[in-house]
Structures are given as C-alpha cells and as structure tokens.
Amino acid sequence: MFNRSARAERRQEDQMKLYWCPHTRSFSILWLMEEAGLPYERVLVDIHAGEQRKETYLSINPMGKVPALVDGETVVAEQGAICAYVADRYPESGLAPRIDEPSRGRYLEWLFFAGSCIEPAFMEKVSGWEVKPTMSGWGNYDRVVAALERALAQGPWVLGERFSAADIMIGSGVHFGLAFGMLDKKPVFTAYEERLVARPAFQRAHEIDEAGAVERVKAS
C-alpha cells in the first residue's frame, strides 16, 4: 500500500527540483508530484520578471519555459516528458502501466495527446486558424474534441478504472479548456473534471499554486 511518509523519508536527501511558476503549465507537474508522493524542492522561475530568459535557466531548458525537472544528473523539460519520466523512474507511484501491460499503448497515446493535439486545437480555436485535417498533426479542433469525448465517456479515467499520469495531462487540458471557454461544458467533460478536482493531490497542488501566486506578487 502507498506510504507517502515512508517514501519521503527514504528520499529526503535526494530531492528532485521542480522549476515552476504559479498559474502556468507548471500546475500539471505540481499535481504529478503530489500524486507520486515524492519529496521535491520547488524552484520559482518568475516568468513575469523575465527569469526564464536568464542563462542560468536556459541551461536547464533552452526553450525558456516552465516546468522543468532536475533529478540528480537527469534534466527533463516538457510536461509529457516529465510525466513519463517520473511515472517510469518511480514505478511505486502507480502512475503508469508496466511496459508489458496491454494498456501501455493507450497510456502513451493519451499521455502525449495533450501537447500534440489538445494544445494546438485550442490555439486553432482561439486564433481562428483554418487548418486542413490531412495536413495538421492534430487533425482539427472538432476531431480532437470528438476523440476526447469518446475516451472520457467510458470513464472514470482515460484507462478505464485506473488513474494514471495520462489523466494528469488530459485532465489539465480539460480543466484549462473549461475554465477559459475552449471546451463546451458538456456533461462528459464536467463530470471528468469533478472527479479530478476531488482528488486530494489535485487539491494540494491547487493550494500550492495559489500560495505561490500570492508570494510571487508580494516579492515583486
């Protein structure tokens, strides 16, 4: 059975560092780390003050974006890659199917669906792009939304009964899409979001994110 305190004690001297900024895509990795129950240090990168463009941070993530994760000598950027790394590096977290499990394929598909399909589809919608589905990697907005509906209708999670890191990525996209009007508030999406926000790890991540936003403003 998962023992958060025991795991924290085992790795207390070897904490990962999460480079983050409140109210950004960093939230998904805050949530990931809270779900995994691993000790980690948060390192604020104030993107509002331009800290992401400093050489010290560009050496960690040349794209100058948050989040990024450092685990010993390993450096990982991009949300999907960080989720994949943590879930596989620390299998005791239970956030990923084993490589020999049949559900592994769908897990990987949905893990990277957010970055490769959901985000560009949202940009298509808010920017009024006209795209040809046969030429764009995400098809188009309507195809992405239809795929999400089919996947989430089977519920409660994208892998059925099993919550995984793929739900962190897909869930962050759905949560963001509903909050900013890029997804219609259909029952399939709102019910999924309700299940997500009821998770204690989601709530802890939200509290950390909000507290961090207040501290960032005070320090600026």
C-alpha atoms as a PDB file:
ATOM      1  CA  MET A   1       0.000   0.000   0.000  1.00  0.00           C
ATOM      2  CA  PHE A   2       1.214   3.525  -0.805  1.00  0.00           C
ATOM      3  CA  ASN A   3       3.097   5.089   2.088  1.00  0.00           C
ATOM      4  CA  ARG A   4       3.740   8.759   1.399  1.00  0.00           C
ATOM      5  CA  SER A   5       5.707   9.475   4.593  1.00  0.00           C
ATOM      6  CA  ALA A   6       7.965   6.449   4.244  1.00  0.00           C
ATOM      7  CA  ARG A   7       8.807   7.339   0.669  1.00  0.00           C
ATOM      8  CA  ALA A   8       9.528  10.932   1.653  1.00  0.00           C
ATOM      9  CA  GLU A   9      11.882   9.718   4.393  1.00  0.00           C
ATOM     10  CA  ARG A  10      13.756   7.401   2.023  1.00  0.00           C
ATOM     11  CA  ARG A  11      14.484  10.185  -0.473  1.00  0.00           C
ATOM     12  CA  GLN A  12      14.735  13.177   1.830  1.00  0.00           C
ATOM     13  CA  GLU A  13      18.411  13.723   0.983  1.00  0.00           C
ATOM     14  CA  ASP A  14      17.916  13.268  -2.736  1.00  0.00           C
ATOM     15  CA  GLN A  15      15.027  15.540  -3.627  1.00  0.00           C
ATOM     16  CA  MET A  16      14.113  16.404  -7.171  1.00  0.00           C
ATOM     17  CA  LYS A  17      13.940  20.068  -8.147  1.00  0.00           C
ATOM     18  CA  LEU A  18      10.868  21.356  -9.939  1.00  0.00           C
ATOM     19  CA  TYR A  19      11.383  24.641 -11.741  1.00  0.00           C
ATOM     20  CA  TRP A  20       7.965  26.269 -11.842  1.00  0.00           C
ATOM     21  CA  CYS A  21       5.892  29.428 -11.813  1.00  0.00           C
ATOM     22  CA  PRO A  22       2.346  29.716 -10.418  1.00  0.00           C
ATOM     23  CA  HIS A  23      -0.613  29.919 -12.804  1.00  0.00           C
ATOM     24  CA  THR A  24       1.279  28.284 -15.668  1.00  0.00           C
ATOM     25  CA  ARG A  25       1.614  24.817 -17.181  1.00  0.00           C
ATOM     26  CA  SER A  26       3.717  24.022 -14.115  1.00  0.00           C
ATOM     27  CA  PHE A  27       0.466  23.123 -12.377  1.00  0.00           C
ATOM     28  CA  SER A  28       0.309  19.758 -14.116  1.00  0.00           C
ATOM     29  CA  ILE A  29       3.704  18.789 -12.689  1.00  0.00           C
ATOM     30  CA  LEU A  30       2.862  20.082  -9.221  1.00  0.00           C
ATOM     31  CA  TRP A  31      -0.111  17.754  -9.438  1.00  0.00           C
ATOM     32  CA  LEU A  32       2.064  14.901 -10.731  1.00  0.00           C
ATOM     33  CA  MET A  33       4.495  15.244  -7.838  1.00  0.00           C
ATOM     34  CA  GLU A  34       1.686  15.340  -5.294  1.00  0.00           C
ATOM     35  CA  GLU A  35       0.124  12.228  -6.824  1.00  0.00           C
ATOM     36  CA  ALA A  36       3.500  10.457  -6.812  1.00  0.00           C
ATOM     37  CA  GLY A  37       4.148  11.389  -3.185  1.00  0.00           C
ATOM     38  CA  LEU A  38       7.836  12.038  -3.839  1.00  0.00           C
ATOM     39  CA  PRO A  39       9.767  14.737  -1.968  1.00  0.00           C
ATOM     40  CA  TYR A  40      10.747  17.602  -4.216  1.00  0.00           C
ATOM     41  CA  GLU A  41      12.007  21.146  -3.989  1.00  0.00           C
ATOM     42  CA  ARG A  42      10.184  23.918  -5.837  1.00  0.00           C
ATOM     43  CA  VAL A  43      12.407  26.498  -7.504  1.00  0.00           C
ATOM     44  CA  LEU A  44      10.489  29.594  -8.602  1.00  0.00           C
ATOM     45  CA  VAL A  45      11.195  30.904 -12.091  1.00  0.00           C
ATOM     46  CA  ASP A  46       9.309  34.199 -12.244  1.00  0.00           C
ATOM     47  CA  ILE A  47       8.383  34.394 -15.915  1.00  0.00           C
ATOM     48  CA  HIS A  48       6.708  37.761 -15.289  1.00  0.00           C
ATOM     49  CA  ALA A  49      10.106  39.163 -14.318  1.00  0.00           C
ATOM     50  CA  GLY A  50      11.862  37.511 -17.268  1.00  0.00           C
ATOM     51  CA  GLU A  51      13.806  34.979 -15.196  1.00  0.00           C
ATOM     52  CA  GLN A  52      13.127  32.269 -17.784  1.00  0.00           C
ATOM     53  CA  ARG A  53      15.358  34.150 -20.236  1.00  0.00           C
ATOM     54  CA  LYS A  54      18.409  34.162 -17.965  1.00  0.00           C
ATOM     55  CA  GLU A  55      21.277  31.905 -18.973  1.00  0.00           C
ATOM     56  CA  THR A  56      21.106  30.045 -15.660  1.00  0.00           C
ATOM     57  CA  TYR A  57      17.643  28.810 -16.573  1.00  0.00           C
ATOM     58  CA  LEU A  58      18.243  28.432 -20.313  1.00  0.00           C
ATOM     59  CA  SER A  59      20.940  25.925 -19.423  1.00  0.00           C
ATOM     60  CA  ILE A  60      18.161  23.826 -17.880  1.00  0.00           C
ATOM     61  CA  ASN A  61      15.504  24.437 -20.519  1.00  0.00           C
ATOM     62  CA  PRO A  62      16.733  26.117 -23.721  1.00  0.00           C
ATOM     63  CA  MET A  63      13.109  26.883 -24.626  1.00  0.00           C
ATOM     64  CA  GLY A  64      12.877  29.199 -21.631  1.00  0.00           C
ATOM     65  CA  LYS A  65       9.614  27.664 -20.454  1.00  0.00           C
ATOM     66  CA  VAL A  66       8.358  26.134 -17.242  1.00  0.00           C
ATOM     67  CA  PRO A  67       8.134  23.493 -15.948  1.00  0.00           C
ATOM     68  CA  ALA A  68      11.433  21.641 -15.900  1.00  0.00           C
ATOM     69  CA  LEU A  69      12.608  18.895 -13.557  1.00  0.00           C
ATOM     70  CA  VAL A  70      16.087  18.022 -12.312  1.00  0.00           C
ATOM     71  CA  ASP A  71      16.608  14.621 -10.690  1.00  0.00           C
ATOM     72  CA  GLY A  72      20.272  14.152  -9.871  1.00  0.00           C
ATOM     73  CA  GLU A  73      22.066  14.371 -13.211  1.00  0.00           C
ATOM     74  CA  THR A  74      18.843  13.967 -15.187  1.00  0.00           C
ATOM     75  CA  VAL A  75      17.178  17.074 -16.613  1.00  0.00           C
ATOM     76  CA  VAL A  76      13.740  16.863 -18.212  1.00  0.00           C
ATOM     77  CA  ALA A  77      11.538  19.564 -19.739  1.00  0.00           C
ATOM     78  CA  GLU A  78       8.096  19.424 -21.412  1.00  0.00           C
ATOM     79  CA  GLN A  79       5.100  18.310 -19.381  1.00  0.00           C
ATOM     80  CA  GLY A  80       4.501  14.989 -21.116  1.00  0.00           C
ATOM     81  CA  ALA A  81       8.157  14.024 -20.905  1.00  0.00           C
ATOM     82  CA  ILE A  82       8.295  14.891 -17.197  1.00  0.00           C
ATOM     83  CA  CYS A  83       5.192  12.803 -16.529  1.00  0.00           C
ATOM     84  CA  ALA A  84       6.644   9.877 -18.470  1.00  0.00           C
ATOM     85  CA  TYR A  85       9.976  10.152 -16.643  1.00  0.00           C
ATOM     86  CA  VAL A  86       8.580  10.333 -13.120  1.00  0.00           C
ATOM     87  CA  ALA A  87       5.996   7.592 -13.655  1.00  0.00           C
ATOM     88  CA  ASP A  88       8.596   5.195 -15.102  1.00  0.00           C
ATOM     89  CA  ARG A  89      11.523   6.172 -12.869  1.00  0.00           C
ATOM     90  CA  TYR A  90       9.398   5.701  -9.755  1.00  0.00           C
ATOM     91  CA  PRO A  91       7.020   2.826 -10.601  1.00  0.00           C
ATOM     92  CA  GLU A  92       5.936   2.538  -6.971  1.00  0.00           C
ATOM     93  CA  SER A  93       3.864   5.669  -7.610  1.00  0.00           C
ATOM     94  CA  GLY A  94       1.496   3.519  -9.682  1.00  0.00           C
ATOM     95  CA  LEU A  95       1.079   6.251 -12.285  1.00  0.00           C
ATOM     96  CA  ALA A  96       1.936   4.189 -15.363  1.00  0.00           C
ATOM     97  CA  PRO A  97       1.210   0.699 -16.679  1.00  0.00           C
ATOM     98  CA  ARG A  98       4.261  -1.536 -16.970  1.00  0.00           C
ATOM     99  CA  ILE A  99       5.817  -1.729 -20.416  1.00  0.00           C
ATOM    100  CA  ASP A 100       4.473  -5.280 -20.863  1.00  0.00           C
ATOM    101  CA  GLU A 101       0.872  -4.387 -19.967  1.00  0.00           C
ATOM    102  CA  PRO A 102      -1.621  -4.124 -22.858  1.00  0.00           C
ATOM    103  CA  SER A 103      -2.816  -0.736 -21.586  1.00  0.00           C
ATOM    104  CA  ARG A 104       0.681   0.704 -22.016  1.00  0.00           C
ATOM    105  CA  GLY A 105      -0.010   1.661 -25.629  1.00  0.00           C
ATOM    106  CA  ARG A 106      -3.137   3.674 -24.876  1.00  0.00           C
ATOM    107  CA  TYR A 107      -1.416   5.197 -21.853  1.00  0.00           C
ATOM    108  CA  LEU A 108       1.395   6.572 -24.012  1.00  0.00           C
ATOM    109  CA  GLU A 109      -1.072   7.743 -26.642  1.00  0.00           C
ATOM    110  CA  TRP A 110      -3.078   9.816 -24.162  1.00  0.00           C
ATOM    111  CA  LEU A 111      -0.008  10.947 -22.236  1.00  0.00           C
ATOM    112  CA  PHE A 112       1.214  12.836 -25.294  1.00  0.00           C
ATOM    113  CA  PHE A 113      -2.201  13.690 -26.753  1.00  0.00           C
ATOM    114  CA  ALA A 114      -2.432  16.854 -24.641  1.00  0.00           C
ATOM    115  CA  GLY A 115       0.682  18.503 -26.009  1.00  0.00           C
ATOM    116  CA  SER A 116       0.427  17.256 -29.566  1.00  0.00           C
ATOM    117  CA  CYS A 117      -3.335  17.601 -30.072  1.00  0.00           C
ATOM    118  CA  ILE A 118      -5.225  19.433 -27.318  1.00  0.00           C
ATOM    119  CA  GLU A 119      -2.984  22.499 -27.084  1.00  0.00           C
ATOM    120  CA  PRO A 120      -2.756  23.144 -30.845  1.00  0.00           C
ATOM    121  CA  ALA A 121      -6.502  22.539 -31.177  1.00  0.00           C
ATOM    122  CA  PHE A 122      -7.153  25.179 -28.524  1.00  0.00           C
ATOM    123  CA  MET A 123      -4.829  27.574 -30.341  1.00  0.00           C
ATOM    124  CA  GLU A 124      -6.727  26.840 -33.545  1.00  0.00           C
ATOM    125  CA  LYS A 125      -9.972  27.772 -31.846  1.00  0.00           C
ATOM    126  CA  VAL A 126      -8.871  30.968 -30.104  1.00  0.00           C
ATOM    127  CA  SER A 127      -6.809  32.191 -33.070  1.00  0.00           C
ATOM    128  CA  GLY A 128      -9.401  31.395 -35.717  1.00  0.00           C
ATOM    129  CA  TRP A 129      -6.993  29.282 -37.750  1.00  0.00           C
ATOM    130  CA  GLU A 130      -8.290  27.431 -40.769  1.00  0.00           C
ATOM    131  CA  VAL A 131      -6.463  24.116 -40.956  1.00  0.00           C
ATOM    132  CA  LYS A 132      -6.635  21.124 -43.260  1.00  0.00           C
ATOM    133  CA  PRO A 133      -7.084  17.977 -41.167  1.00  0.00           C
ATOM    134  CA  THR A 134      -4.939  15.974 -43.567  1.00  0.00           C
ATOM    135  CA  MET A 135      -2.020  18.379 -43.131  1.00  0.00           C
ATOM    136  CA  SER A 136      -2.030  19.251 -39.418  1.00  0.00           C
ATOM    137  CA  GLY A 137      -0.676  16.846 -36.846  1.00  0.00           C
ATOM    138  CA  TRP A 138      -3.740  17.281 -34.617  1.00  0.00           C
ATOM    139  CA  GLY A 139      -6.312  16.989 -37.394  1.00  0.00           C
ATOM    140  CA  ASN A 140      -8.511  19.881 -36.305  1.00  0.00           C
ATOM    141  CA  TYR A 141     -10.364  21.143 -33.251  1.00  0.00           C
ATOM    142  CA  ASP A 142     -13.507  19.117 -33.901  1.00  0.00           C
ATOM    143  CA  ARG A 143     -11.582  15.863 -34.270  1.00  0.00           C
ATOM    144  CA  VAL A 144      -9.686  16.455 -31.053  1.00  0.00           C
ATOM    145  CA  VAL A 145     -12.848  17.200 -29.080  1.00  0.00           C
ATOM    146  CA  ALA A 146     -14.618  14.161 -30.553  1.00  0.00           C
ATOM    147  CA  ALA A 147     -11.697  11.907 -29.590  1.00  0.00           C
ATOM    148  CA  LEU A 148     -11.749  13.282 -26.054  1.00  0.00           C
ATOM    149  CA  GLU A 149     -15.482  12.715 -25.752  1.00  0.00           C
ATOM    150  CA  ARG A 150     -15.173   9.082 -26.845  1.00  0.00           C
ATOM    151  CA  ALA A 151     -12.321   8.403 -24.449  1.00  0.00           C
ATOM    152  CA  LEU A 152     -13.872  10.054 -21.412  1.00  0.00           C
ATOM    153  CA  ALA A 153     -17.361   8.659 -21.955  1.00  0.00           C
ATOM    154  CA  GLN A 154     -16.079   5.221 -20.909  1.00  0.00           C
ATOM    155  CA  GLY A 155     -14.586   6.612 -17.672  1.00  0.00           C
ATOM    156  CA  PRO A 156     -13.936   7.178 -14.966  1.00  0.00           C
ATOM    157  CA  TRP A 157     -10.374   7.679 -16.285  1.00  0.00           C
ATOM    158  CA  VAL A 158      -8.774   7.517 -19.708  1.00  0.00           C
ATOM    159  CA  LEU A 159      -7.587   3.960 -18.965  1.00  0.00           C
ATOM    160  CA  GLY A 160     -10.927   2.929 -17.505  1.00  0.00           C
ATOM    161  CA  GLU A 161     -10.767   2.157 -13.798  1.00  0.00           C
ATOM    162  CA  ARG A 162      -7.094   3.063 -13.475  1.00  0.00           C
ATOM    163  CA  PHE A 163      -5.917   6.626 -12.829  1.00  0.00           C
ATOM    164  CA  SER A 164      -2.559   7.348 -14.436  1.00  0.00           C
ATOM    165  CA  ALA A 165      -0.202  10.152 -15.416  1.00  0.00           C
ATOM    166  CA  ALA A 166      -2.173  10.324 -18.668  1.00  0.00           C
ATOM    167  CA  ASP A 167      -5.095  11.715 -16.654  1.00  0.00           C
ATOM    168  CA  ILE A 168      -2.842  14.452 -15.324  1.00  0.00           C
ATOM    169  CA  MET A 169      -2.036  15.549 -18.860  1.00  0.00           C
ATOM    170  CA  ILE A 170      -5.536  15.101 -20.298  1.00  0.00           C
ATOM    171  CA  GLY A 171      -7.141  16.409 -17.108  1.00  0.00           C
ATOM    172  CA  SER A 172      -5.042  19.572 -17.126  1.00  0.00           C
ATOM    173  CA  GLY A 173      -6.147  20.207 -20.708  1.00  0.00           C
ATOM    174  CA  VAL A 174      -9.814  19.646 -19.902  1.00  0.00           C
ATOM    175  CA  HIS A 175      -9.605  21.771 -16.743  1.00  0.00           C
ATOM    176  CA  PHE A 176      -7.925  24.608 -18.636  1.00  0.00           C
ATOM    177  CA  GLY A 177     -10.294  24.279 -21.596  1.00  0.00           C
ATOM    178  CA  LEU A 178     -13.403  24.517 -19.436  1.00  0.00           C
ATOM    179  CA  ALA A 179     -12.005  27.422 -17.403  1.00  0.00           C
ATOM    180  CA  PHE A 180     -11.240  29.523 -20.476  1.00  0.00           C
ATOM    181  CA  GLY A 181     -14.179  28.557 -22.672  1.00  0.00           C
ATOM    182  CA  MET A 182     -12.227  26.439 -25.131  1.00  0.00           C
ATOM    183  CA  LEU A 183     -14.342  23.404 -24.336  1.00  0.00           C
ATOM    184  CA  ASP A 184     -18.126  23.369 -24.153  1.00  0.00           C
ATOM    185  CA  LYS A 185     -19.404  22.382 -20.727  1.00  0.00           C
ATOM    186  CA  LYS A 186     -20.729  19.025 -21.827  1.00  0.00           C
ATOM    187  CA  PRO A 187     -21.514  16.526 -19.068  1.00  0.00           C
ATOM    188  CA  VAL A 188     -18.714  14.200 -20.194  1.00  0.00           C
ATOM    189  CA  PHE A 189     -16.147  16.949 -19.597  1.00  0.00           C
ATOM    190  CA  THR A 190     -17.616  18.494 -16.447  1.00  0.00           C
ATOM    191  CA  ALA A 191     -18.077  15.098 -14.772  1.00  0.00           C
ATOM    192  CA  TYR A 192     -14.458  14.187 -15.553  1.00  0.00           C
ATOM    193  CA  GLU A 193     -13.262  17.499 -14.145  1.00  0.00           C
ATOM    194  CA  GLU A 194     -15.302  16.952 -10.982  1.00  0.00           C
ATOM    195  CA  ARG A 195     -13.582  13.599 -10.454  1.00  0.00           C
ATOM    196  CA  LEU A 196     -10.192  15.217 -10.977  1.00  0.00           C
ATOM    197  CA  VAL A 197     -10.642  18.154  -8.597  1.00  0.00           C
ATOM    198  CA  ALA A 198     -11.940  15.779  -5.911  1.00  0.00           C
ATOM    199  CA  ARG A 199      -8.535  14.074  -5.786  1.00  0.00           C
ATOM    200  CA  PRO A 200      -6.523  15.104  -2.700  1.00  0.00           C
ATOM    201  CA  ALA A 201      -3.350  15.505  -4.791  1.00  0.00           C
ATOM    202  CA  PHE A 202      -5.116  17.914  -7.145  1.00  0.00           C
ATOM    203  CA  GLN A 203      -6.322  19.938  -4.177  1.00  0.00           C
ATOM    204  CA  ARG A 204      -2.835  20.057  -2.634  1.00  0.00           C
ATOM    205  CA  ALA A 205      -1.348  21.183  -5.950  1.00  0.00           C
ATOM    206  CA  HIS A 206      -4.004  23.882  -6.275  1.00  0.00           C
ATOM    207  CA  GLU A 207      -3.246  25.173  -2.761  1.00  0.00           C
ATOM    208  CA  ILE A 208       0.496  25.255  -3.533  1.00  0.00           C
ATOM    209  CA  ASP A 209      -0.135  27.060  -6.809  1.00  0.00           C
ATOM    210  CA  GLU A 210      -2.371  29.704  -5.228  1.00  0.00           C
ATOM    211  CA  ALA A 211       0.002  30.251  -2.304  1.00  0.00           C
ATOM    212  CA  GLY A 212       2.880  30.578  -4.746  1.00  0.00           C
ATOM    213  CA  ALA A 213       0.996  33.192  -6.750  1.00  0.00           C
ATOM    214  CA  VAL A 214       0.451  35.285  -3.622  1.00  0.00           C
ATOM    215  CA  GLU A 215       4.109  35.022  -2.627  1.00  0.00           C
ATOM    216  CA  ARG A 216       5.286  35.923  -6.122  1.00  0.00           C
ATOM    217  CA  VAL A 217       3.215  39.120  -6.097  1.00  0.00           C
ATOM    218  CA  LYS A 218       4.500  40.059  -2.626  1.00  0.00           C
ATOM    219  CA  ALA A 219       8.090  39.551  -3.752  1.00  0.00           C
ATOM    220  CA  SER A 220       7.737  41.543  -6.978  1.00  0.00           C
END
